[in-house]
Full PDB file with SEQRES, HELIX, SHEET, SSBOND, CRYST1, ORIGX, SCALE, CONECT and MASTER records, all heavy atoms in Angstrom:
SEQRES   1 A   31  SER TRP TYR ARG ARG ALA PRO GLY LYS GLU ARG GLU LEU          
SEQRES   2 A   31  VAL ALA THR ILE PHE HIS TYR GLY THR LYS THR TYR ALA          
SEQRES   3 A   31  GLU SER VAL LYS GLY                                          
SHEET    1 AA1 3 TRP A   2  ARG A   4  0                                        
SHEET    2 AA1 3 GLU A  12  ILE A  17 -1                                        
SHEET    3 AA1 3 LYS A  23  TYR A  25 -1                                        
CRYST1    1.000    1.000    1.000  90.00  90.00  90.00 P 1           1          
ORIGX1      1.000000  0.000000  0.000000        0.00000                         
ORIGX2      0.000000  1.000000  0.000000        0.00000                         
ORIGX3      0.000000  0.000000  1.000000        0.00000                         
SCALE1      1.000000  0.000000  0.000000        0.00000                         
SCALE2      0.000000  1.000000  0.000000        0.00000                         
SCALE3      0.000000  0.000000  1.000000        0.00000                         
ATOM      1  N   SER A   1      66.477  52.578  32.412  1.00  0.00           N  
ATOM      2  CA  SER A   1      66.558  54.029  32.909  1.00  0.00           C  
ATOM      3  C   SER A   1      65.585  54.919  32.017  1.00  0.00           C  
ATOM      4  O   SER A   1      65.363  54.596  30.780  1.00  0.00           O  
ATOM      5  CB  SER A   1      67.822  54.661  32.932  1.00  0.00           C  
ATOM      6  OG  SER A   1      68.709  53.940  33.805  1.00  0.00           O  
ATOM      7  N   TRP A   2      65.238  56.065  32.507  1.00  0.00           N  
ATOM      8  CA  TRP A   2      64.676  57.098  31.814  1.00  0.00           C  
ATOM      9  C   TRP A   2      65.558  58.267  31.842  1.00  0.00           C  
ATOM     10  O   TRP A   2      66.123  58.613  32.992  1.00  0.00           O  
ATOM     11  CB  TRP A   2      63.275  57.607  32.357  1.00  0.00           C  
ATOM     12  CG  TRP A   2      62.283  56.585  32.041  1.00  0.00           C  
ATOM     13  CD1 TRP A   2      61.665  55.660  32.940  1.00  0.00           C  
ATOM     14  CD2 TRP A   2      61.454  56.507  30.906  1.00  0.00           C  
ATOM     15  NE1 TRP A   2      60.702  54.886  32.300  1.00  0.00           N  
ATOM     16  CE2 TRP A   2      60.532  55.476  31.110  1.00  0.00           C  
ATOM     17  CE3 TRP A   2      61.418  57.183  29.648  1.00  0.00           C  
ATOM     18  CZ2 TRP A   2      59.569  55.017  30.012  1.00  0.00           C  
ATOM     19  CZ3 TRP A   2      60.524  56.836  28.702  1.00  0.00           C  
ATOM     20  CH2 TRP A   2      59.626  55.781  28.870  1.00  0.00           C  
ATOM     21  N   TYR A   3      65.983  58.842  30.659  1.00  0.00           N  
ATOM     22  CA  TYR A   3      66.652  60.026  30.605  1.00  0.00           C  
ATOM     23  C   TYR A   3      65.906  61.111  29.988  1.00  0.00           C  
ATOM     24  O   TYR A   3      64.817  60.845  29.352  1.00  0.00           O  
ATOM     25  CB  TYR A   3      67.912  59.788  29.634  1.00  0.00           C  
ATOM     26  CG  TYR A   3      68.992  58.966  30.210  1.00  0.00           C  
ATOM     27  CD1 TYR A   3      68.886  57.546  30.220  1.00  0.00           C  
ATOM     28  CD2 TYR A   3      70.216  59.580  30.770  1.00  0.00           C  
ATOM     29  CE1 TYR A   3      69.923  56.801  30.740  1.00  0.00           C  
ATOM     30  CE2 TYR A   3      71.275  58.866  31.188  1.00  0.00           C  
ATOM     31  CZ  TYR A   3      71.122  57.412  31.228  1.00  0.00           C  
ATOM     32  OH  TYR A   3      72.153  56.626  31.790  1.00  0.00           O  
ATOM     33  N   ARG A   4      66.275  62.303  30.047  1.00  0.00           N  
ATOM     34  CA  ARG A   4      65.582  63.405  29.407  1.00  0.00           C  
ATOM     35  C   ARG A   4      66.628  64.493  28.859  1.00  0.00           C  
ATOM     36  O   ARG A   4      67.649  64.737  29.501  1.00  0.00           O  
ATOM     37  CB  ARG A   4      64.516  64.116  30.258  1.00  0.00           C  
ATOM     38  CG  ARG A   4      65.082  64.874  31.405  1.00  0.00           C  
ATOM     39  CD  ARG A   4      63.840  65.322  32.296  1.00  0.00           C  
ATOM     40  NE  ARG A   4      64.402  66.094  33.456  1.00  0.00           N  
ATOM     41  CZ  ARG A   4      63.541  66.552  34.477  1.00  0.00           C  
ATOM     42  NH1 ARG A   4      62.203  66.247  34.455  1.00  0.00           N  
ATOM     43  NH2 ARG A   4      64.119  67.214  35.490  1.00  0.00           N  
ATOM     44  N   ARG A   5      66.205  65.153  27.872  1.00  0.00           N  
ATOM     45  CA  ARG A   5      67.067  66.277  27.357  1.00  0.00           C  
ATOM     46  C   ARG A   5      66.133  67.433  27.097  1.00  0.00           C  
ATOM     47  O   ARG A   5      65.250  67.415  26.202  1.00  0.00           O  
ATOM     48  CB  ARG A   5      67.761  65.859  26.107  1.00  0.00           C  
ATOM     49  CG  ARG A   5      68.574  67.014  25.504  1.00  0.00           C  
ATOM     50  CD  ARG A   5      69.476  66.561  24.359  1.00  0.00           C  
ATOM     51  NE  ARG A   5      70.741  66.009  24.921  1.00  0.00           N  
ATOM     52  CZ  ARG A   5      71.564  65.146  24.390  1.00  0.00           C  
ATOM     53  NH1 ARG A   5      71.315  64.799  23.072  1.00  0.00           N  
ATOM     54  NH2 ARG A   5      72.644  64.730  24.915  1.00  0.00           N  
ATOM     55  N   ALA A   6      66.339  68.560  27.832  1.00  0.00           N  
ATOM     56  CA  ALA A   6      65.640  69.778  27.604  1.00  0.00           C  
ATOM     57  C   ALA A   6      66.359  70.597  26.530  1.00  0.00           C  
ATOM     58  O   ALA A   6      67.592  70.479  26.412  1.00  0.00           O  
ATOM     59  CB  ALA A   6      65.428  70.537  28.910  1.00  0.00           C  
ATOM     60  N   PRO A   7      65.637  71.472  25.877  1.00  0.00           N  
ATOM     61  CA  PRO A   7      66.293  72.374  24.888  1.00  0.00           C  
ATOM     62  C   PRO A   7      67.409  73.146  25.484  1.00  0.00           C  
ATOM     63  O   PRO A   7      67.288  73.765  26.562  1.00  0.00           O  
ATOM     64  CB  PRO A   7      65.163  73.333  24.515  1.00  0.00           C  
ATOM     65  CG  PRO A   7      63.899  72.552  24.695  1.00  0.00           C  
ATOM     66  CD  PRO A   7      64.124  71.719  25.969  1.00  0.00           C  
ATOM     67  N   GLY A   8      68.584  73.075  24.840  1.00  0.00           N  
ATOM     68  CA  GLY A   8      69.689  73.813  25.264  1.00  0.00           C  
ATOM     69  C   GLY A   8      70.421  73.207  26.518  1.00  0.00           C  
ATOM     70  O   GLY A   8      71.404  73.814  27.009  1.00  0.00           O  
ATOM     71  N   LYS A   9      70.034  72.123  26.928  1.00  0.00           N  
ATOM     72  CA  LYS A   9      70.675  71.476  28.217  1.00  0.00           C  
ATOM     73  C   LYS A   9      71.218  70.097  27.835  1.00  0.00           C  
ATOM     74  O   LYS A   9      70.803  69.491  26.767  1.00  0.00           O  
ATOM     75  CB  LYS A   9      69.564  71.323  29.221  1.00  0.00           C  
ATOM     76  CG  LYS A   9      69.110  72.664  29.827  1.00  0.00           C  
ATOM     77  CD  LYS A   9      68.173  72.429  30.963  1.00  0.00           C  
ATOM     78  CE  LYS A   9      67.818  73.835  31.551  1.00  0.00           C  
ATOM     79  NZ  LYS A   9      66.779  73.556  32.754  1.00  0.00           N  
ATOM     80  N   GLU A  10      72.076  69.592  28.629  1.00  0.00           N  
ATOM     81  CA  GLU A  10      72.619  68.260  28.440  1.00  0.00           C  
ATOM     82  C   GLU A  10      71.645  67.181  28.948  1.00  0.00           C  
ATOM     83  O   GLU A  10      70.728  67.490  29.685  1.00  0.00           O  
ATOM     84  CB  GLU A  10      73.899  68.082  29.311  1.00  0.00           C  
ATOM     85  CG  GLU A  10      75.042  69.045  28.869  1.00  0.00           C  
ATOM     86  CD  GLU A  10      76.339  68.722  29.493  1.00  0.00           C  
ATOM     87  OE1 GLU A  10      76.352  67.949  30.423  1.00  0.00           O  
ATOM     88  OE2 GLU A  10      77.324  69.404  29.213  1.00  0.00           O  
ATOM     89  N   ARG A  11      71.831  65.991  28.363  1.00  0.00           N  
ATOM     90  CA  ARG A  11      71.024  64.938  28.820  1.00  0.00           C  
ATOM     91  C   ARG A  11      71.159  64.606  30.316  1.00  0.00           C  
ATOM     92  O   ARG A  11      72.249  64.610  30.836  1.00  0.00           O  
ATOM     93  CB  ARG A  11      71.432  63.708  28.014  1.00  0.00           C  
ATOM     94  CG  ARG A  11      70.515  62.441  28.193  1.00  0.00           C  
ATOM     95  CD  ARG A  11      71.005  61.301  27.332  1.00  0.00           C  
ATOM     96  NE  ARG A  11      72.362  60.847  27.700  1.00  0.00           N  
ATOM     97  CZ  ARG A  11      73.072  60.077  26.952  1.00  0.00           C  
ATOM     98  NH1 ARG A  11      72.611  59.659  25.744  1.00  0.00           N  
ATOM     99  NH2 ARG A  11      74.289  59.690  27.309  1.00  0.00           N  
ATOM    100  N   GLU A  12      69.910  64.394  30.977  1.00  0.00           N  
ATOM    101  CA  GLU A  12      69.955  64.142  32.236  1.00  0.00           C  
ATOM    102  C   GLU A  12      69.296  62.744  32.658  1.00  0.00           C  
ATOM    103  O   GLU A  12      68.300  62.445  32.147  1.00  0.00           O  
ATOM    104  CB  GLU A  12      69.082  65.238  33.000  1.00  0.00           C  
ATOM    105  CG  GLU A  12      68.830  65.076  34.490  1.00  0.00           C  
ATOM    106  CD  GLU A  12      67.823  66.159  35.025  1.00  0.00           C  
ATOM    107  OE1 GLU A  12      66.982  66.623  34.219  1.00  0.00           O  
ATOM    108  OE2 GLU A  12      67.711  66.214  36.228  1.00  0.00           O  
ATOM    109  N   LEU A  13      69.955  62.131  33.598  1.00  0.00           N  
ATOM    110  CA  LEU A  13      69.371  60.771  34.033  1.00  0.00           C  
ATOM    111  C   LEU A  13      68.234  61.148  34.971  1.00  0.00           C  
ATOM    112  O   LEU A  13      68.426  61.844  36.082  1.00  0.00           O  
ATOM    113  CB  LEU A  13      70.506  59.933  34.709  1.00  0.00           C  
ATOM    114  CG  LEU A  13      69.960  58.643  35.454  1.00  0.00           C  
ATOM    115  CD1 LEU A  13      69.445  57.794  34.313  1.00  0.00           C  
ATOM    116  CD2 LEU A  13      71.218  58.032  36.072  1.00  0.00           C  
ATOM    117  N   VAL A  14      67.067  60.634  34.766  1.00  0.00           N  
ATOM    118  CA  VAL A  14      65.935  60.906  35.550  1.00  0.00           C  
ATOM    119  C   VAL A  14      65.679  59.770  36.666  1.00  0.00           C  
ATOM    120  O   VAL A  14      65.468  60.107  37.746  1.00  0.00           O  
ATOM    121  CB  VAL A  14      64.653  61.013  34.666  1.00  0.00           C  
ATOM    122  CG1 VAL A  14      63.340  61.175  35.412  1.00  0.00           C  
ATOM    123  CG2 VAL A  14      64.841  62.212  33.618  1.00  0.00           C  
ATOM    124  N   ALA A  15      65.693  58.547  36.131  1.00  0.00           N  
ATOM    125  CA  ALA A  15      65.290  57.396  37.064  1.00  0.00           C  
ATOM    126  C   ALA A  15      65.883  56.045  36.590  1.00  0.00           C  
ATOM    127  O   ALA A  15      65.924  55.966  35.345  1.00  0.00           O  
ATOM    128  CB  ALA A  15      63.803  57.347  37.284  1.00  0.00           C  
ATOM    129  N   THR A  16      66.264  55.215  37.370  1.00  0.00           N  
ATOM    130  CA  THR A  16      66.814  53.895  37.019  1.00  0.00           C  
ATOM    131  C   THR A  16      66.080  52.830  37.851  1.00  0.00           C  
ATOM    132  O   THR A  16      65.875  53.028  39.029  1.00  0.00           O  
ATOM    133  CB  THR A  16      68.308  53.887  37.192  1.00  0.00           C  
ATOM    134  OG1 THR A  16      68.863  54.896  36.383  1.00  0.00           O  
ATOM    135  CG2 THR A  16      68.915  52.513  36.896  1.00  0.00           C  
ATOM    136  N   ILE A  17      65.946  51.629  37.269  1.00  0.00           N  
ATOM    137  CA  ILE A  17      65.482  50.437  37.995  1.00  0.00           C  
ATOM    138  C   ILE A  17      66.432  49.478  37.636  1.00  0.00           C  
ATOM    139  O   ILE A  17      66.739  49.203  36.469  1.00  0.00           O  
ATOM    140  CB  ILE A  17      63.998  50.114  37.695  1.00  0.00           C  
ATOM    141  CG1 ILE A  17      63.686  48.824  38.527  1.00  0.00           C  
ATOM    142  CG2 ILE A  17      63.757  49.864  36.235  1.00  0.00           C  
ATOM    143  CD1 ILE A  17      62.064  48.644  38.595  1.00  0.00           C  
ATOM    144  N   PHE A  18      66.957  48.803  38.661  1.00  0.00           N  
ATOM    145  CA  PHE A  18      68.042  47.731  38.495  1.00  0.00           C  
ATOM    146  C   PHE A  18      67.418  46.362  38.495  1.00  0.00           C  
ATOM    147  O   PHE A  18      66.310  46.160  38.874  1.00  0.00           O  
ATOM    148  CB  PHE A  18      69.113  47.802  39.545  1.00  0.00           C  
ATOM    149  CG  PHE A  18      69.934  49.115  39.502  1.00  0.00           C  
ATOM    150  CD1 PHE A  18      69.493  50.224  40.177  1.00  0.00           C  
ATOM    151  CD2 PHE A  18      71.014  49.172  38.683  1.00  0.00           C  
ATOM    152  CE1 PHE A  18      70.168  51.512  40.069  1.00  0.00           C  
ATOM    153  CE2 PHE A  18      71.692  50.401  38.680  1.00  0.00           C  
ATOM    154  CZ  PHE A  18      71.304  51.552  39.379  1.00  0.00           C  
ATOM    155  N   HIS A  19      68.167  45.385  38.110  1.00  0.00           N  
ATOM    156  CA  HIS A  19      67.694  44.003  37.903  1.00  0.00           C  
ATOM    157  C   HIS A  19      66.850  43.483  39.165  1.00  0.00           C  
ATOM    158  O   HIS A  19      65.825  42.886  38.842  1.00  0.00           O  
ATOM    159  CB  HIS A  19      68.972  43.098  37.665  1.00  0.00           C  
ATOM    160  CG  HIS A  19      68.583  41.643  37.424  1.00  0.00           C  
ATOM    161  ND1 HIS A  19      67.988  41.156  36.284  1.00  0.00           N  
ATOM    162  CD2 HIS A  19      68.561  40.605  38.260  1.00  0.00           C  
ATOM    163  CE1 HIS A  19      67.701  39.866  36.428  1.00  0.00           C  
ATOM    164  NE2 HIS A  19      68.074  39.531  37.729  1.00  0.00           N  
ATOM    165  N   TYR A  20      67.412  43.778  40.267  1.00  0.00           N  
ATOM    166  CA  TYR A  20      66.673  43.201  41.547  1.00  0.00           C  
ATOM    167  C   TYR A  20      65.671  44.100  42.001  1.00  0.00           C  
ATOM    168  O   TYR A  20      65.176  43.889  43.113  1.00  0.00           O  
ATOM    169  CB  TYR A  20      67.683  42.742  42.545  1.00  0.00           C  
ATOM    170  CG  TYR A  20      68.534  41.522  42.127  1.00  0.00           C  
ATOM    171  CD1 TYR A  20      69.904  41.691  41.738  1.00  0.00           C  
ATOM    172  CD2 TYR A  20      67.896  40.315  42.136  1.00  0.00           C  
ATOM    173  CE1 TYR A  20      70.511  40.577  41.334  1.00  0.00           C  
ATOM    174  CE2 TYR A  20      68.611  39.168  41.697  1.00  0.00           C  
ATOM    175  CZ  TYR A  20      69.986  39.362  41.279  1.00  0.00           C  
ATOM    176  OH  TYR A  20      70.589  38.188  40.909  1.00  0.00           O  
ATOM    177  N   GLY A  21      65.386  45.230  41.277  1.00  0.00           N  
ATOM    178  CA  GLY A  21      64.255  46.117  41.695  1.00  0.00           C  
ATOM    179  C   GLY A  21      64.549  47.375  42.428  1.00  0.00           C  
ATOM    180  O   GLY A  21      63.742  48.204  42.606  1.00  0.00           O  
ATOM    181  N   THR A  22      65.903  47.565  42.627  1.00  0.00           N  
ATOM    182  CA  THR A  22      66.305  48.850  43.297  1.00  0.00           C  
ATOM    183  C   THR A  22      65.971  50.059  42.346  1.00  0.00           C  
ATOM    184  O   THR A  22      66.227  49.885  41.185  1.00  0.00           O  
ATOM    185  CB  THR A  22      67.718  48.832  43.646  1.00  0.00           C  
ATOM    186  OG1 THR A  22      68.000  47.695  44.553  1.00  0.00           O  
ATOM    187  CG2 THR A  22      68.167  50.126  44.330  1.00  0.00           C  
ATOM    188  N   LYS A  23      65.462  51.093  42.922  1.00  0.00           N  
ATOM    189  CA  LYS A  23      65.155  52.256  42.097  1.00  0.00           C  
ATOM    190  C   LYS A  23      65.937  53.507  42.586  1.00  0.00           C  
ATOM    191  O   LYS A  23      66.127  53.681  43.812  1.00  0.00           O  
ATOM    192  CB  LYS A  23      63.704  52.559  42.176  1.00  0.00           C  
ATOM    193  CG  LYS A  23      62.824  51.368  41.745  1.00  0.00           C  
ATOM    194  CD  LYS A  23      61.338  51.661  41.954  1.00  0.00           C  
ATOM    195  CE  LYS A  23      60.463  50.488  41.591  1.00  0.00           C  
ATOM    196  NZ  LYS A  23      59.042  50.703  41.728  1.00  0.00           N  
ATOM    197  N   THR A  24      66.377  54.333  41.644  1.00  0.00           N  
ATOM    198  CA  THR A  24      66.981  55.508  42.077  1.00  0.00           C  
ATOM    199  C   THR A  24      66.423  56.694  41.185  1.00  0.00           C  
ATOM    200  O   THR A  24      65.957  56.465  39.998  1.00  0.00           O  
ATOM    201  CB  THR A  24      68.557  55.491  41.771  1.00  0.00           C  
ATOM    202  OG1 THR A  24      68.793  55.235  40.379  1.00  0.00           O  
ATOM    203  CG2 THR A  24      69.152  54.425  42.681  1.00  0.00           C  
ATOM    204  N   TYR A  25      66.486  57.875  41.672  1.00  0.00           N  
ATOM    205  CA  TYR A  25      65.784  59.095  41.110  1.00  0.00           C  
ATOM    206  C   TYR A  25      66.746  60.301  41.228  1.00  0.00           C  
ATOM    207  O   TYR A  25      67.495  60.403  42.129  1.00  0.00           O  
ATOM    208  CB  TYR A  25      64.496  59.417  41.716  1.00  0.00           C  
ATOM    209  CG  TYR A  25      63.425  58.287  41.665  1.00  0.00           C  
ATOM    210  CD1 TYR A  25      63.273  57.365  42.682  1.00  0.00           C  
ATOM    211  CD2 TYR A  25      62.602  58.263  40.633  1.00  0.00           C  
ATOM    212  CE1 TYR A  25      62.405  56.367  42.546  1.00  0.00           C  
ATOM    213  CE2 TYR A  25      61.620  57.301  40.456  1.00  0.00           C  
ATOM    214  CZ  TYR A  25      61.582  56.280  41.486  1.00  0.00           C  
ATOM    215  OH  TYR A  25      60.592  55.333  41.377  1.00  0.00           O  
ATOM    216  N   ALA A  26      66.605  61.117  40.193  1.00  0.00           N  
ATOM    217  CA  ALA A  26      67.219  62.478  40.198  1.00  0.00           C  
ATOM    218  C   ALA A  26      66.604  63.246  41.413  1.00  0.00           C  
ATOM    219  O   ALA A  26      65.426  63.063  41.612  1.00  0.00           O  
ATOM    220  CB  ALA A  26      67.191  63.126  38.939  1.00  0.00           C  
ATOM    221  N   GLU A  27      67.358  64.095  41.958  1.00  0.00           N  
ATOM    222  CA  GLU A  27      66.749  64.872  43.167  1.00  0.00           C  
ATOM    223  C   GLU A  27      65.636  65.723  42.588  1.00  0.00           C  
ATOM    224  O   GLU A  27      64.665  65.947  43.379  1.00  0.00           O  
ATOM    225  CB  GLU A  27      67.927  65.754  43.656  1.00  0.00           C  
ATOM    226  CG  GLU A  27      68.867  65.076  44.547  1.00  0.00           C  
ATOM    227  CD  GLU A  27      68.287  64.545  45.864  1.00  0.00           C  
ATOM    228  OE1 GLU A  27      67.288  65.138  46.415  1.00  0.00           O  
ATOM    229  OE2 GLU A  27      68.733  63.301  46.348  1.00  0.00           O  
ATOM    230  N   SER A  28      65.646  66.119  41.372  1.00  0.00           N  
ATOM    231  CA  SER A  28      64.647  67.125  40.884  1.00  0.00           C  
ATOM    232  C   SER A  28      63.223  66.441  40.696  1.00  0.00           C  
ATOM    233  O   SER A  28      62.309  67.083  40.575  1.00  0.00           O  
ATOM    234  CB  SER A  28      65.093  67.642  39.514  1.00  0.00           C  
ATOM    235  OG  SER A  28      65.422  66.739  38.573  1.00  0.00           O  
ATOM    236  N   VAL A  29      63.252  65.056  40.706  1.00  0.00           N  
ATOM    237  CA  VAL A  29      61.979  64.358  40.475  1.00  0.00           C  
ATOM    238  C   VAL A  29      61.592  63.517  41.568  1.00  0.00           C  
ATOM    239  O   VAL A  29      60.457  62.961  41.614  1.00  0.00           O  
ATOM    240  CB  VAL A  29      61.990  63.540  39.135  1.00  0.00           C  
ATOM    241  CG1 VAL A  29      62.426  64.395  37.971  1.00  0.00           C  
ATOM    242  CG2 VAL A  29      63.020  62.377  39.301  1.00  0.00           C  
ATOM    243  N   LYS A  30      62.355  63.454  42.589  1.00  0.00           N  
ATOM    244  CA  LYS A  30      62.010  62.565  43.845  1.00  0.00           C  
ATOM    245  C   LYS A  30      60.725  62.992  44.390  1.00  0.00           C  
ATOM    246  O   LYS A  30      60.470  64.156  44.584  1.00  0.00           O  
ATOM    247  CB  LYS A  30      63.186  62.652  44.862  1.00  0.00           C  
ATOM    248  CG  LYS A  30      64.192  61.638  44.557  1.00  0.00           C  
ATOM    249  CD  LYS A  30      65.336  61.682  45.779  1.00  0.00           C  
ATOM    250  CE  LYS A  30      66.471  60.852  45.576  1.00  0.00           C  
ATOM    251  NZ  LYS A  30      67.383  60.866  46.688  1.00  0.00           N  
ATOM    252  N   GLY A  31      59.840  62.005  44.690  1.00  0.00           N  
ATOM    253  CA  GLY A  31      58.637  62.201  45.214  1.00  0.00           C  
ATOM    254  C   GLY A  31      57.494  62.593  44.277  1.00  0.00           C  
ATOM    255  O   GLY A  31      56.269  62.655  44.587  1.00  0.00           O  
TER     256      GLY A  31                                                      
MASTER        0    0    0    0    3    0    0    6  255    1    0    3          
END                                                                             
């Protein structure tokens, strides 16, 4: 996965790729 932490904010999950290739994204970065 990729996570990110902006100043003053909590850590956020950005995107994940699973073993068999499935990918998921945060709504804020989709597309």
